[in-house]
Amino acid sequence: MANNSAHSTRIEAIYACVPSEVAYTKDYPAFDESAAAMFEKNTGIHARRVAPENVTCSDLCLFAAKALLDDFDAKDSIDLLIFVSQSADHFLPATSIILQEKLGIPTQCLAFDVNLGCSGYVYGLNMMGQFMQQGQFKKALLLAGDKSTISTHPQDKSTFPLFGDAGTATLISYDSTASEWFFNSGSDGKGKDAIVIPGGHSRNPYGTFDEQDVVYEGGVRSLKHLQMDGLSVFNFALKHVPSTILSALAFASVSVDEVDYFVLHQANGLITKTIAKKLKVEPAKFLTSIEHFGNTSSASIPLTLCVNAKYLLGNPPKKWLFCGFGVGFSWATLCFESKVFKTKLMNYERN
């Protein structure tokens, strides 16, 4: 696993936007009362947010970003924009460039997309740090989110009730006095089939595979829908997440006990609890959002921070540990110390 660091980079604010429609686990038609209770116990998910058909991930990110830029009067200062998502608007052009125009950000802005899921937010922060630490970029916008519900079959009990939709915006500034950021990251393509949408892109274009639904033990799906091997994902998380966390902490010369709060990708409640137990950390130090928002992929870490805004208050600066892990397999951890940064959680409203 690779270690690297970044300096002179500071998070100013994180805003999150979620759809207003709430889908409750107990109301999922494919579950009877017993199955719903078991699902809630194993995953921790009681509800999630679902975007309407004509609302994209970029719409949610745009809503969050507009509010953030207005509050900080920063629209004309943005010189770097990164969009992290696996729910792009189109195969091309890049969604980041579409968002640059919609936000009214200057054309001198460097903008690009990153196709990563659960680990994507931490990778995005890493890239931000590398760009900004030399002082050539002063103000940046990291947009991270996914509309995973569009990729899951409504009758697939292993995926449909698990995922929620969300978009986030993080304002990042150059600051020569900011504490250093310490990263540990890794990739393992052996997990490429553990979380996958097999059909619909260059490898298996539409028209070259059978799009018919298939009934299997967990429900119904087709090759154009997200497929997940839950056991493989669970085993991957327990193998790699504790080790990447410990590696990042060692790199930062910070002990497990010194960390004020851990913010992990919200894969499911059982994974988070098991990792806390492995690290011998009290569960209260692990902030969560999965109970009411489900697994929101690349948005889960910033969304969790917005949901738990009360923990961001007060002085002195807090030591944070962010860890994203999942599809790929891919994982990334960040350990850093930070002063207070502003957060806001909003429901999406159509303009």
Protein backbone atom coordinates (compact mmCIF):
# COMPACT_ATOMS: atom_id res chain seq x y z
CA MET A 1 0.00 0.00 0.00
CA ALA A 2 1.25 3.47 -0.90
CA ASN A 3 1.85 6.35 1.50
CA ASN A 4 1.93 9.97 0.42
CA SER A 5 1.25 13.34 2.00
CA ALA A 6 0.10 16.85 1.15
CA HIS A 7 0.58 20.16 2.91
CA SER A 8 -0.84 23.68 2.84
CA THR A 9 -4.34 22.39 2.03
CA ARG A 10 -7.41 23.09 4.17
CA ILE A 11 -11.07 22.05 4.07
CA GLU A 12 -13.21 25.17 4.47
CA ALA A 13 -16.68 23.68 4.15
CA ILE A 14 -18.64 20.58 3.19
CA TYR A 15 -22.24 20.77 1.93
CA ALA A 16 -24.42 17.76 1.14
CA CYS A 17 -27.66 17.47 -0.82
CA VAL A 18 -30.06 14.53 -0.69
CA PRO A 19 -33.38 13.88 -2.47
CA SER A 20 -36.50 14.60 -0.44
CA GLU A 21 -38.08 11.18 -1.11
CA VAL A 22 -37.51 8.75 1.76
CA ALA A 23 -37.65 4.99 1.13
CA TYR A 24 -38.07 2.94 4.30
CA THR A 25 -36.70 -0.58 4.58
CA LYS A 26 -39.92 -1.77 6.22
CA ASP A 27 -41.86 -0.69 3.12
CA TYR A 28 -39.71 -2.54 0.58
CA PRO A 29 -42.16 -4.88 -1.24
CA ALA A 30 -39.67 -7.74 -1.62
CA PHE A 31 -39.27 -8.00 2.17
CA ASP A 32 -41.76 -9.45 4.60
CA GLU A 33 -41.67 -8.12 8.17
CA SER A 34 -39.07 -10.67 9.29
CA ALA A 35 -36.76 -10.07 6.31
CA ALA A 36 -36.96 -6.30 6.77
CA ALA A 37 -36.05 -6.61 10.44
CA MET A 38 -33.12 -8.89 9.63
CA PHE A 39 -31.87 -6.53 6.90
CA GLU A 40 -32.05 -3.56 9.27
CA LYS A 41 -30.16 -5.49 11.94
CA ASN A 42 -27.36 -6.59 9.59
CA THR A 43 -26.91 -3.38 7.61
CA GLY A 44 -28.12 -0.71 10.02
CA ILE A 45 -30.24 0.81 7.23
CA HIS A 46 -33.73 1.93 8.23
CA ALA A 47 -34.23 4.42 5.40
CA ARG A 48 -32.50 5.97 2.40
CA ARG A 49 -33.06 8.80 -0.05
CA VAL A 50 -34.04 8.12 -3.66
CA ALA A 51 -33.73 10.67 -6.47
CA PRO A 52 -36.55 11.04 -9.02
CA GLU A 53 -36.01 9.60 -12.48
CA ASN A 54 -35.08 12.94 -14.05
CA VAL A 55 -32.69 14.08 -11.28
CA THR A 56 -29.05 13.08 -11.71
CA CYS A 57 -26.14 12.87 -9.33
CA SER A 58 -24.73 16.04 -10.89
CA ASP A 59 -28.00 17.85 -10.08
CA LEU A 60 -27.53 16.98 -6.40
CA CYS A 61 -23.88 18.08 -6.47
CA LEU A 62 -24.85 21.26 -8.31
CA PHE A 63 -27.44 22.13 -5.66
CA ALA A 64 -24.89 21.67 -2.86
CA ALA A 65 -22.17 23.54 -4.75
CA LYS A 66 -24.35 26.55 -5.57
CA ALA A 67 -25.30 26.99 -1.92
CA LEU A 68 -21.69 26.61 -0.80
CA LEU A 69 -20.27 29.04 -3.35
CA ASP A 70 -22.99 31.60 -2.52
CA ASP A 71 -22.35 31.34 1.22
CA PHE A 72 -18.59 31.80 0.77
CA ASP A 73 -18.77 34.20 -2.21
CA ALA A 74 -16.24 31.91 -3.90
CA LYS A 75 -17.63 31.33 -7.42
CA ASP A 76 -15.10 33.59 -9.15
CA SER A 77 -12.18 32.20 -7.12
CA ILE A 78 -12.42 28.52 -8.08
CA ASP A 79 -9.45 27.42 -10.19
CA LEU A 80 -9.76 23.64 -9.74
CA LEU A 81 -12.87 21.42 -9.93
CA ILE A 82 -12.91 17.63 -9.56
CA PHE A 83 -16.09 15.55 -9.95
CA VAL A 84 -15.83 12.10 -8.33
CA SER A 85 -18.64 9.75 -9.32
CA GLN A 86 -19.65 6.58 -11.12
CA SER A 87 -22.94 8.23 -12.15
CA ALA A 88 -21.78 10.63 -14.85
CA ASP A 89 -24.34 12.49 -16.95
CA HIS A 90 -22.95 11.12 -20.24
CA PHE A 91 -20.19 8.89 -21.58
CA LEU A 92 -18.80 12.21 -22.80
CA PRO A 93 -18.22 15.08 -22.24
CA ALA A 94 -16.91 15.06 -18.67
CA THR A 95 -19.58 16.02 -16.13
CA SER A 96 -17.10 18.30 -14.33
CA ILE A 97 -16.97 20.58 -17.37
CA ILE A 98 -20.77 20.68 -17.58
CA LEU A 99 -20.85 21.66 -13.90
CA GLN A 100 -18.19 24.34 -14.41
CA GLU A 101 -20.49 26.07 -16.89
CA LYS A 102 -23.65 25.62 -14.79
CA LEU A 103 -21.91 27.04 -11.70
CA GLY A 104 -20.55 30.04 -13.60
CA ILE A 105 -16.98 29.22 -12.59
CA PRO A 106 -14.27 30.97 -14.67
CA THR A 107 -13.11 29.16 -17.81
CA GLN A 108 -9.54 29.26 -16.49
CA CYS A 109 -10.61 26.53 -14.05
CA LEU A 110 -8.99 23.09 -14.42
CA ALA A 111 -11.84 20.53 -14.37
CA PHE A 112 -11.92 16.75 -14.73
CA ASP A 113 -13.84 13.63 -13.66
CA VAL A 114 -12.64 10.73 -11.52
CA ASN A 115 -14.42 7.39 -12.01
CA LEU A 116 -14.23 5.95 -8.51
CA GLY A 117 -16.94 4.85 -6.09
CA CYS A 118 -16.61 4.14 -2.39
CA SER A 119 -12.95 5.20 -2.11
CA GLY A 120 -13.43 8.20 -4.37
CA TYR A 121 -13.79 11.01 -1.84
CA VAL A 122 -10.46 10.31 -0.18
CA TYR A 123 -8.79 9.91 -3.58
CA GLY A 124 -10.31 13.27 -4.52
CA LEU A 125 -8.87 14.91 -1.42
CA ASN A 126 -5.49 13.36 -2.23
CA MET A 127 -5.53 14.83 -5.74
CA MET A 128 -6.61 18.19 -4.38
CA GLY A 129 -3.67 18.18 -1.98
CA GLN A 130 -1.17 17.34 -4.71
CA PHE A 131 -2.45 20.15 -6.94
CA MET A 132 -2.76 22.78 -4.23
CA GLN A 133 0.27 22.33 -1.97
CA GLN A 134 2.57 24.30 -4.27
CA GLY A 135 0.33 27.35 -4.06
CA GLN A 136 -0.45 27.54 -7.78
CA PHE A 137 -4.12 26.72 -7.11
CA LYS A 138 -5.77 28.77 -4.37
CA LYS A 139 -9.40 27.64 -4.20
CA ALA A 140 -10.87 24.30 -5.28
CA LEU A 141 -14.19 22.50 -5.40
CA LEU A 142 -14.46 18.74 -4.89
CA LEU A 143 -17.85 17.37 -5.96
CA ALA A 144 -18.56 13.78 -4.95
CA GLY A 145 -21.76 11.80 -5.27
CA ASP A 146 -23.64 8.97 -6.90
CA LYS A 147 -27.11 8.01 -8.01
CA SER A 148 -26.71 4.31 -7.31
CA THR A 149 -30.44 3.62 -7.24
CA ILE A 150 -30.61 3.99 -11.03
CA SER A 151 -28.26 1.00 -11.41
CA THR A 152 -30.04 -1.45 -9.11
CA HIS A 153 -32.98 -3.70 -10.02
CA PRO A 154 -36.06 -2.98 -7.85
CA GLN A 155 -36.43 -6.71 -7.13
CA ASP A 156 -32.77 -7.38 -6.28
CA LYS A 157 -32.85 -7.75 -2.50
CA SER A 158 -29.06 -7.71 -2.23
CA THR A 159 -28.62 -4.22 -3.71
CA PHE A 160 -31.85 -2.24 -4.13
CA PRO A 161 -32.59 -1.60 -0.41
CA LEU A 162 -28.90 -0.94 0.31
CA PHE A 163 -28.10 2.14 -1.78
CA GLY A 164 -29.18 5.75 -1.47
CA ASP A 165 -28.55 8.84 -3.60
CA ALA A 166 -26.59 11.94 -2.56
CA GLY A 167 -24.37 14.70 -3.89
CA THR A 168 -21.77 16.73 -1.99
CA ALA A 169 -19.53 19.76 -2.44
CA THR A 170 -16.30 20.41 -0.53
CA LEU A 171 -14.55 23.79 -0.63
CA ILE A 172 -10.79 23.50 -0.28
CA SER A 173 -8.28 26.35 0.06
CA TYR A 174 -4.55 26.82 -0.07
CA ASP A 175 -3.31 27.60 3.46
CA SER A 176 0.40 27.53 4.28
CA THR A 177 -0.43 27.10 7.99
CA ALA A 178 -2.65 24.02 7.52
CA SER A 179 -1.63 20.73 9.12
CA GLU A 180 -0.19 18.05 6.84
CA TRP A 181 -2.46 15.41 5.31
CA PHE A 182 -1.26 11.78 5.47
CA PHE A 183 -2.64 9.23 3.00
CA ASN A 184 -2.46 5.48 2.57
CA SER A 185 -4.04 3.95 -0.55
CA GLY A 186 -4.25 0.73 -2.51
CA SER A 187 -5.95 -1.17 -5.33
CA ASP A 188 -6.66 -4.82 -6.08
CA GLY A 189 -8.24 -5.68 -9.42
CA LYS A 190 -8.90 -9.24 -8.25
CA GLY A 191 -12.08 -7.74 -6.80
CA LYS A 192 -13.33 -6.39 -10.13
CA ASP A 193 -16.28 -8.80 -10.22
CA ALA A 194 -17.34 -8.32 -6.59
CA ILE A 195 -19.20 -5.07 -7.36
CA VAL A 196 -19.88 -4.69 -11.07
CA ILE A 197 -22.34 -3.64 -13.76
CA PRO A 198 -21.40 -6.21 -16.45
CA GLY A 199 -23.25 -4.78 -19.45
CA GLY A 200 -23.75 -1.47 -21.18
CA HIS A 201 -20.27 -0.08 -21.77
CA SER A 202 -17.35 -0.72 -24.15
CA ARG A 203 -16.56 -4.26 -22.96
CA ASN A 204 -20.17 -5.44 -23.32
CA PRO A 205 -22.09 -2.79 -25.32
CA TYR A 206 -25.87 -2.73 -25.46
CA GLY A 207 -27.06 -5.03 -28.22
CA THR A 208 -24.33 -7.62 -27.59
CA PHE A 209 -25.81 -9.25 -24.47
CA ASP A 210 -29.15 -10.55 -23.24
CA GLU A 211 -30.88 -7.78 -21.28
CA GLN A 212 -33.60 -10.07 -19.92
CA ASP A 213 -34.12 -10.22 -16.17
CA VAL A 214 -32.81 -13.34 -14.44
CA VAL A 215 -34.26 -14.78 -11.24
CA TYR A 216 -31.66 -15.86 -8.70
CA GLU A 217 -31.54 -16.56 -4.97
CA GLY A 218 -31.37 -12.88 -3.98
CA GLY A 219 -34.13 -11.71 -6.30
CA VAL A 220 -34.10 -10.44 -9.89
CA ARG A 221 -31.55 -8.56 -12.01
CA SER A 222 -30.00 -8.38 -15.48
CA LEU A 223 -26.52 -7.73 -16.85
CA LYS A 224 -27.28 -4.00 -17.05
CA HIS A 225 -27.83 -3.83 -13.28
CA LEU A 226 -25.36 -3.57 -10.41
CA GLN A 227 -24.33 -6.97 -9.06
CA MET A 228 -22.62 -7.44 -5.72
CA ASP A 229 -20.98 -10.38 -3.99
CA GLY A 230 -21.67 -9.32 -0.42
CA LEU A 231 -19.45 -11.93 1.22
CA SER A 232 -16.45 -10.99 -0.94
CA VAL A 233 -16.95 -7.31 -0.11
CA PHE A 234 -17.23 -8.09 3.60
CA ASN A 235 -14.05 -10.19 3.58
CA PHE A 236 -12.19 -7.53 1.59
CA ALA A 237 -13.20 -4.82 4.06
CA LEU A 238 -12.11 -6.80 7.10
CA LYS A 239 -8.79 -7.68 5.46
CA HIS A 240 -7.77 -4.28 4.09
CA VAL A 241 -9.55 -1.54 6.06
CA PRO A 242 -7.91 -2.09 9.48
CA SER A 243 -4.48 -2.38 7.85
CA THR A 244 -4.84 0.78 5.73
CA ILE A 245 -6.06 2.69 8.80
CA LEU A 246 -3.10 1.52 10.88
CA SER A 247 -0.68 2.29 8.03
CA ALA A 248 -2.00 5.84 7.65
CA LEU A 249 -1.81 6.40 11.40
CA ALA A 250 1.76 5.10 11.56
CA PHE A 251 2.70 7.35 8.63
CA ALA A 252 1.19 10.33 10.47
CA SER A 253 2.79 9.30 13.80
CA VAL A 254 -0.66 9.25 15.39
CA SER A 255 -1.95 6.48 17.65
CA VAL A 256 -5.41 4.95 17.35
CA ASP A 257 -6.34 6.47 20.71
CA GLU A 258 -5.36 9.98 19.57
CA VAL A 259 -7.94 10.04 16.78
CA ASP A 260 -11.01 12.02 17.80
CA TYR A 261 -13.33 10.66 15.11
CA PHE A 262 -13.28 7.97 12.43
CA VAL A 263 -15.40 8.56 9.32
CA LEU A 264 -15.58 5.43 7.18
CA HIS A 265 -17.38 4.79 3.93
CA GLN A 266 -20.89 3.71 4.94
CA ALA A 267 -20.87 0.23 3.40
CA ASN A 268 -23.05 -1.28 6.09
CA GLY A 269 -23.36 -1.10 9.84
CA LEU A 270 -21.92 -4.54 10.50
CA ILE A 271 -18.68 -3.74 8.66
CA THR A 272 -18.22 -0.51 10.63
CA LYS A 273 -18.87 -2.22 13.97
CA THR A 274 -16.51 -5.09 13.15
CA ILE A 275 -13.71 -2.72 12.12
CA ALA A 276 -14.17 -0.70 15.32
CA LYS A 277 -13.88 -3.92 17.30
CA LYS A 278 -10.75 -4.99 15.42
CA LEU A 279 -9.11 -1.63 16.12
CA LYS A 280 -10.29 -1.72 19.75
CA VAL A 281 -11.96 1.68 19.39
CA GLU A 282 -15.21 2.62 21.11
CA PRO A 283 -18.07 2.66 18.55
CA ALA A 284 -19.01 6.23 19.53
CA LYS A 285 -15.87 7.47 17.78
CA PHE A 286 -17.17 6.15 14.46
CA LEU A 287 -19.56 8.67 12.92
CA THR A 288 -22.35 7.20 10.79
CA SER A 289 -25.10 8.21 8.39
CA ILE A 290 -26.13 4.83 7.01
CA GLU A 291 -29.16 4.51 9.29
CA HIS A 292 -31.15 7.17 7.43
CA PHE A 293 -29.35 7.48 4.09
CA GLY A 294 -28.05 4.01 3.18
CA ASN A 295 -24.84 3.37 1.27
CA THR A 296 -24.24 6.57 -0.74
CA SER A 297 -20.98 5.48 -2.41
CA SER A 298 -18.54 8.37 -2.98
CA ALA A 299 -20.79 10.78 -1.06
CA SER A 300 -20.86 8.75 2.14
CA ILE A 301 -17.91 10.34 3.98
CA PRO A 302 -18.81 14.01 3.34
CA LEU A 303 -22.51 13.25 3.90
CA THR A 304 -21.67 11.61 7.23
CA LEU A 305 -19.79 14.74 8.30
CA CYS A 306 -22.80 16.90 7.45
CA VAL A 307 -25.17 14.59 9.31
CA ASN A 308 -22.92 14.73 12.39
CA ALA A 309 -22.27 18.49 12.35
CA LYS A 310 -22.29 18.75 16.16
CA TYR A 311 -18.99 16.86 16.32
CA LEU A 312 -17.28 19.54 14.23
CA LEU A 313 -17.78 22.25 16.82
CA GLY A 314 -15.31 23.63 19.35
CA ASN A 315 -11.57 23.84 19.87
CA PRO A 316 -8.80 22.70 19.90
CA PRO A 317 -8.40 21.20 16.39
CA LYS A 318 -9.54 17.60 16.05
CA LYS A 319 -7.68 14.63 14.62
CA TRP A 320 -9.68 12.92 11.86
CA LEU A 321 -9.44 9.59 10.10
CA PHE A 322 -11.32 9.20 6.80
CA CYS A 323 -11.36 5.81 5.05
CA GLY A 324 -13.09 4.94 1.78
CA PHE A 325 -13.16 1.38 0.44
CA GLY A 326 -15.10 -0.75 -2.01
CA VAL A 327 -15.71 -1.16 -5.73
CA GLY A 328 -12.55 -2.08 -7.61
CA PHE A 329 -11.35 -3.17 -5.11
CA SER A 330 -10.01 0.24 -4.14
CA TRP A 331 -9.26 1.83 -0.79
CA ALA A 332 -7.83 5.07 0.60
CA THR A 333 -7.30 6.54 4.07
CA LEU A 334 -6.55 10.08 5.23
CA CYS A 335 -5.33 11.11 8.69
CA PHE A 336 -5.16 14.82 9.46
CA GLU A 337 -5.77 17.49 12.06
CA SER A 338 -8.19 20.28 11.30
CA LYS A 339 -9.83 23.32 12.78
CA VAL A 340 -13.59 23.68 12.49
CA PHE A 341 -15.05 23.59 8.97
CA LYS A 342 -18.63 24.49 8.13
CA THR A 343 -21.16 21.85 7.07
CA LYS A 344 -24.70 21.98 5.76
CA LEU A 345 -27.22 19.24 4.90
CA MET A 346 -29.98 20.12 2.43
CA ASN A 347 -32.92 18.51 0.69
CA TYR A 348 -32.92 18.86 -3.08
CA GLU A 349 -35.37 21.37 -4.52
CA ARG A 350 -35.88 21.79 -8.24
CA ASN A 351 -35.10 25.33 -9.42
